[in-house]
């Protein structure tokens, strides 16, 4: 097998790379849409995390 990436050994390999990147992004985008929640839940979860961080002395964002 010759050295180098397979896309250089295949004619039009750049098109395969572009198609692969597009497919990966489309899968990521679809997955993100499936698990995305609403803003109210996100803020409620953030407040809960801040409460726990304050309890353990880990909350440092107020200094920033």
C-alpha atoms as a PDB file:
ATOM      1  CA  UNK A   1       0.000   0.000   0.000  1.00  0.00           C
ATOM      2  CA  UNK A   2       1.493   3.379  -0.961  1.00  0.00           C
ATOM      3  CA  UNK A   3       2.124   5.910   1.806  1.00  0.00           C
ATOM      4  CA  UNK A   4      -0.163   8.852   2.417  1.00  0.00           C
ATOM      5  CA  UNK A   5      -3.827   9.319   3.112  1.00  0.00           C
ATOM      6  CA  UNK A   6      -6.359   7.266   1.173  1.00  0.00           C
ATOM      7  CA  UNK A   7      -8.059  10.421  -0.115  1.00  0.00           C
ATOM      8  CA  UNK A   8      -4.923  11.298  -2.103  1.00  0.00           C
ATOM      9  CA  UNK A   9      -4.855   7.835  -3.689  1.00  0.00           C
ATOM     10  CA  UNK A  10      -8.514   8.080  -4.795  1.00  0.00           C
ATOM     11  CA  UNK A  11      -9.414  10.369  -7.668  1.00  0.00           C
ATOM     12  CA  UNK A  12     -11.669  13.099  -6.306  1.00  0.00           C
ATOM     13  CA  UNK A  13     -10.836  12.102  -2.735  1.00  0.00           C
ATOM     14  CA  UNK A  14     -11.429  15.657  -1.534  1.00  0.00           C
ATOM     15  CA  UNK A  15     -15.102  15.208  -2.417  1.00  0.00           C
ATOM     16  CA  UNK A  16     -15.255  12.152  -0.155  1.00  0.00           C
ATOM     17  CA  UNK A  17     -13.710  14.158   2.667  1.00  0.00           C
ATOM     18  CA  UNK A  18     -16.214  16.997   2.189  1.00  0.00           C
ATOM     19  CA  UNK A  19     -19.105  14.512   2.104  1.00  0.00           C
ATOM     20  CA  UNK A  20     -17.804  12.835   5.272  1.00  0.00           C
ATOM     21  CA  UNK A  21     -17.506  16.157   7.091  1.00  0.00           C
ATOM     22  CA  UNK A  22     -20.994  17.175   5.983  1.00  0.00           C
ATOM     23  CA  UNK A  23     -22.383  13.830   7.158  1.00  0.00           C
ATOM     24  CA  UNK A  24     -20.670  14.153  10.544  1.00  0.00           C
ATOM     25  CA  UNK A  25     -22.010  17.692  11.000  1.00  0.00           C
ATOM     26  CA  UNK A  26     -25.522  16.641   9.969  1.00  0.00           C
ATOM     27  CA  UNK A  27     -25.421  13.783  12.503  1.00  0.00           C
ATOM     28  CA  UNK A  28     -24.182  16.168  15.226  1.00  0.00           C
ATOM     29  CA  UNK A  29     -26.876  18.714  14.382  1.00  0.00           C
ATOM     30  CA  UNK A  30     -29.633  16.083  14.408  1.00  0.00           C
ATOM     31  CA  UNK A  31     -28.402  14.649  17.721  1.00  0.00           C
ATOM     32  CA  UNK A  32     -28.282  18.099  19.290  1.00  0.00           C
ATOM     33  CA  UNK A  33     -31.851  18.794  18.180  1.00  0.00           C
ATOM     34  CA  UNK A  34     -33.003  15.544  19.811  1.00  0.00           C
ATOM     35  CA  UNK A  35     -31.587  16.384  23.258  1.00  0.00           C
ATOM     36  CA  UNK A  36     -32.081  20.145  23.292  1.00  0.00           C
ATOM     37  CA  UNK A  37     -34.297  21.456  26.098  1.00  0.00           C
ATOM     38  CA  UNK A  38     -35.929  24.784  26.784  1.00  0.00           C
ATOM     39  CA  UNK A  39     -34.323  27.842  28.360  1.00  0.00           C
ATOM     40  CA  UNK A  40     -36.359  27.682  31.570  1.00  0.00           C
ATOM     41  CA  UNK A  41     -35.015  24.231  32.377  1.00  0.00           C
ATOM     42  CA  UNK A  42     -31.473  25.317  31.545  1.00  0.00           C
ATOM     43  CA  UNK A  43     -31.622  28.288  33.939  1.00  0.00           C
ATOM     44  CA  UNK A  44     -33.168  26.144  36.675  1.00  0.00           C
ATOM     45  CA  UNK A  45     -30.328  23.638  36.279  1.00  0.00           C
ATOM     46  CA  UNK A  46     -27.742  26.449  36.296  1.00  0.00           C
ATOM     47  CA  UNK A  47     -29.152  27.843  39.553  1.00  0.00           C
ATOM     48  CA  UNK A  48     -28.997  24.390  41.083  1.00  0.00           C
ATOM     49  CA  UNK A  49     -25.357  23.998  40.062  1.00  0.00           C
ATOM     50  CA  UNK A  50     -24.502  27.422  41.489  1.00  0.00           C
ATOM     51  CA  UNK A  51     -26.150  26.469  44.804  1.00  0.00           C
ATOM     52  CA  UNK A  52     -24.007  23.328  45.024  1.00  0.00           C
ATOM     53  CA  UNK A  53     -20.856  25.236  44.041  1.00  0.00           C
ATOM     54  CA  UNK A  54     -21.518  27.815  46.764  1.00  0.00           C
ATOM     55  CA  UNK A  55     -22.169  25.053  49.289  1.00  0.00           C
ATOM     56  CA  UNK A  56     -18.752  23.499  48.593  1.00  0.00           C
ATOM     57  CA  UNK A  57     -16.923  26.829  48.128  1.00  0.00           C
ATOM     58  CA  UNK A  58     -16.292  26.254  44.434  1.00  0.00           C
ATOM     59  CA  UNK A  59     -18.290  29.167  43.008  1.00  0.00           C
ATOM     60  CA  UNK A  60     -15.700  31.566  41.548  1.00  0.00           C
ATOM     61  CA  UNK A  61     -17.628  33.230  38.712  1.00  0.00           C
ATOM     62  CA  UNK A  62     -18.726  36.181  40.864  1.00  0.00           C
ATOM     63  CA  UNK A  63     -15.051  37.239  41.156  1.00  0.00           C
ATOM     64  CA  UNK A  64     -14.665  37.358  37.385  1.00  0.00           C
END
